[in-house]
Amino acid sequence: MLAEKIKKTRRTSGLTQRELGIAIGHEGGHYISKLERGLHDPSTDILRAIARTLDCTVSYLLGEEVTSETNEAA
């Protein structure tokens, strides 16, 4: 679920994998690609940086928040 949320939110934000990677302190999109495919779990610090960059909360990325659109766990 985390992988899907990162990918969906990144795309909605209009960022490429490379742009997000650079914004969180990685040199390119390889790290983000691995996250989005579920091949790597981010550290807490990286997860916070991703949430900050994508203008959302860590809880949202983890699927713990309820959205007003669906009224279900995101």
C-alpha atoms as a PDB file:
ATOM      1  CA  MET A   1       0.000   0.000   0.000  1.00  0.00           C
ATOM      2  CA  LEU A   2       2.825   2.441   0.810  1.00  0.00           C
ATOM      3  CA  ALA A   3       4.386   1.904  -2.608  1.00  0.00           C
ATOM      4  CA  GLU A   4       1.084   2.652  -4.350  1.00  0.00           C
ATOM      5  CA  LYS A   5       0.459   5.754  -2.244  1.00  0.00           C
ATOM      6  CA  ILE A   6       3.882   7.206  -2.947  1.00  0.00           C
ATOM      7  CA  LYS A   7       3.476   6.631  -6.678  1.00  0.00           C
ATOM      8  CA  LYS A   8      -0.065   8.015  -6.842  1.00  0.00           C
ATOM      9  CA  THR A   9       0.727  11.078  -4.742  1.00  0.00           C
ATOM     10  CA  ARG A  10       3.945  11.786  -6.648  1.00  0.00           C
ATOM     11  CA  ARG A  11       2.107  11.655  -9.956  1.00  0.00           C
ATOM     12  CA  THR A  12      -0.700  13.864  -8.625  1.00  0.00           C
ATOM     13  CA  SER A  13       1.952  16.340  -7.479  1.00  0.00           C
ATOM     14  CA  GLY A  14       3.405  16.393 -10.990  1.00  0.00           C
ATOM     15  CA  LEU A  15       6.865  15.230  -9.939  1.00  0.00           C
ATOM     16  CA  THR A  16       9.028  12.691 -11.700  1.00  0.00           C
ATOM     17  CA  GLN A  17      10.786   9.959  -9.763  1.00  0.00           C
ATOM     18  CA  ARG A  18      14.040  11.825 -10.325  1.00  0.00           C
ATOM     19  CA  GLU A  19      12.632  15.120  -9.019  1.00  0.00           C
ATOM     20  CA  LEU A  20      11.275  13.476  -5.878  1.00  0.00           C
ATOM     21  CA  GLY A  21      14.526  11.606  -5.360  1.00  0.00           C
ATOM     22  CA  ILE A  22      16.560  14.790  -5.557  1.00  0.00           C
ATOM     23  CA  ALA A  23      14.124  16.640  -3.277  1.00  0.00           C
ATOM     24  CA  ILE A  24      14.625  14.044  -0.534  1.00  0.00           C
ATOM     25  CA  GLY A  25      18.395  13.934  -0.887  1.00  0.00           C
ATOM     26  CA  HIS A  26      18.949  11.130  -3.386  1.00  0.00           C
ATOM     27  CA  GLU A  27      20.704  11.763  -6.674  1.00  0.00           C
ATOM     28  CA  GLY A  28      18.082  10.364  -9.003  1.00  0.00           C
ATOM     29  CA  GLY A  29      14.943   8.349  -9.459  1.00  0.00           C
ATOM     30  CA  HIS A  30      16.365   4.874  -8.806  1.00  0.00           C
ATOM     31  CA  TYR A  31      15.569   4.972  -5.096  1.00  0.00           C
ATOM     32  CA  ILE A  32      12.022   6.218  -5.695  1.00  0.00           C
ATOM     33  CA  SER A  33      11.517   3.572  -8.364  1.00  0.00           C
ATOM     34  CA  LYS A  34      12.456   0.879  -5.847  1.00  0.00           C
ATOM     35  CA  LEU A  35      10.092   2.363  -3.256  1.00  0.00           C
ATOM     36  CA  GLU A  36       7.223   2.490  -5.736  1.00  0.00           C
ATOM     37  CA  ARG A  37       7.778  -1.143  -6.707  1.00  0.00           C
ATOM     38  CA  GLY A  38       7.879  -2.220  -3.074  1.00  0.00           C
ATOM     39  CA  LEU A  39      11.505  -3.332  -3.288  1.00  0.00           C
ATOM     40  CA  HIS A  40      12.729  -1.031  -0.547  1.00  0.00           C
ATOM     41  CA  ASP A  41      11.220   0.268   2.695  1.00  0.00           C
ATOM     42  CA  PRO A  42      12.050   3.886   3.505  1.00  0.00           C
ATOM     43  CA  SER A  43      13.437   4.935   6.854  1.00  0.00           C
ATOM     44  CA  THR A  44      11.282   7.140   9.043  1.00  0.00           C
ATOM     45  CA  ASP A  45      13.337  10.187   8.061  1.00  0.00           C
ATOM     46  CA  ILE A  46      12.956   9.446   4.353  1.00  0.00           C
ATOM     47  CA  LEU A  47       9.231   8.834   4.748  1.00  0.00           C
ATOM     48  CA  ARG A  48       8.889  12.222   6.472  1.00  0.00           C
ATOM     49  CA  ALA A  49      10.864  13.898   3.681  1.00  0.00           C
ATOM     50  CA  ILE A  50       8.654  12.287   1.036  1.00  0.00           C
ATOM     51  CA  ALA A  51       5.494  13.388   2.847  1.00  0.00           C
ATOM     52  CA  ARG A  52       6.824  16.942   3.226  1.00  0.00           C
ATOM     53  CA  THR A  53       7.807  17.106  -0.447  1.00  0.00           C
ATOM     54  CA  LEU A  54       4.465  15.697  -1.607  1.00  0.00           C
ATOM     55  CA  ASP A  55       2.551  17.988   0.776  1.00  0.00           C
ATOM     56  CA  CYS A  56       0.825  15.186   2.642  1.00  0.00           C
ATOM     57  CA  THR A  57       1.217  13.384   5.945  1.00  0.00           C
ATOM     58  CA  VAL A  58       3.090  10.223   6.759  1.00  0.00           C
ATOM     59  CA  SER A  59      -0.227   8.810   8.001  1.00  0.00           C
ATOM     60  CA  TYR A  60      -1.736   9.401   4.565  1.00  0.00           C
ATOM     61  CA  LEU A  61       1.113   7.575   2.844  1.00  0.00           C
ATOM     62  CA  LEU A  62       0.729   4.689   5.277  1.00  0.00           C
ATOM     63  CA  GLY A  63      -3.010   4.508   4.592  1.00  0.00           C
ATOM     64  CA  GLU A  64      -4.011   5.515   8.103  1.00  0.00           C
ATOM     65  CA  GLU A  65      -6.038   8.630   7.269  1.00  0.00           C
ATOM     66  CA  VAL A  66      -9.660   8.760   6.232  1.00  0.00           C
ATOM     67  CA  THR A  67     -10.288  10.729   3.063  1.00  0.00           C
ATOM     68  CA  SER A  68     -13.367  12.886   2.676  1.00  0.00           C
ATOM     69  CA  GLU A  69     -13.814  11.662  -0.900  1.00  0.00           C
ATOM     70  CA  THR A  70     -14.289   8.005  -0.064  1.00  0.00           C
ATOM     71  CA  ASN A  71     -14.898   8.167   3.679  1.00  0.00           C
ATOM     72  CA  GLU A  72     -12.705   5.076   3.928  1.00  0.00           C
ATOM     73  CA  ALA A  73      -9.135   4.515   5.043  1.00  0.00           C
ATOM     74  CA  ALA A  74      -6.917   5.999   2.366  1.00  0.00           C
END
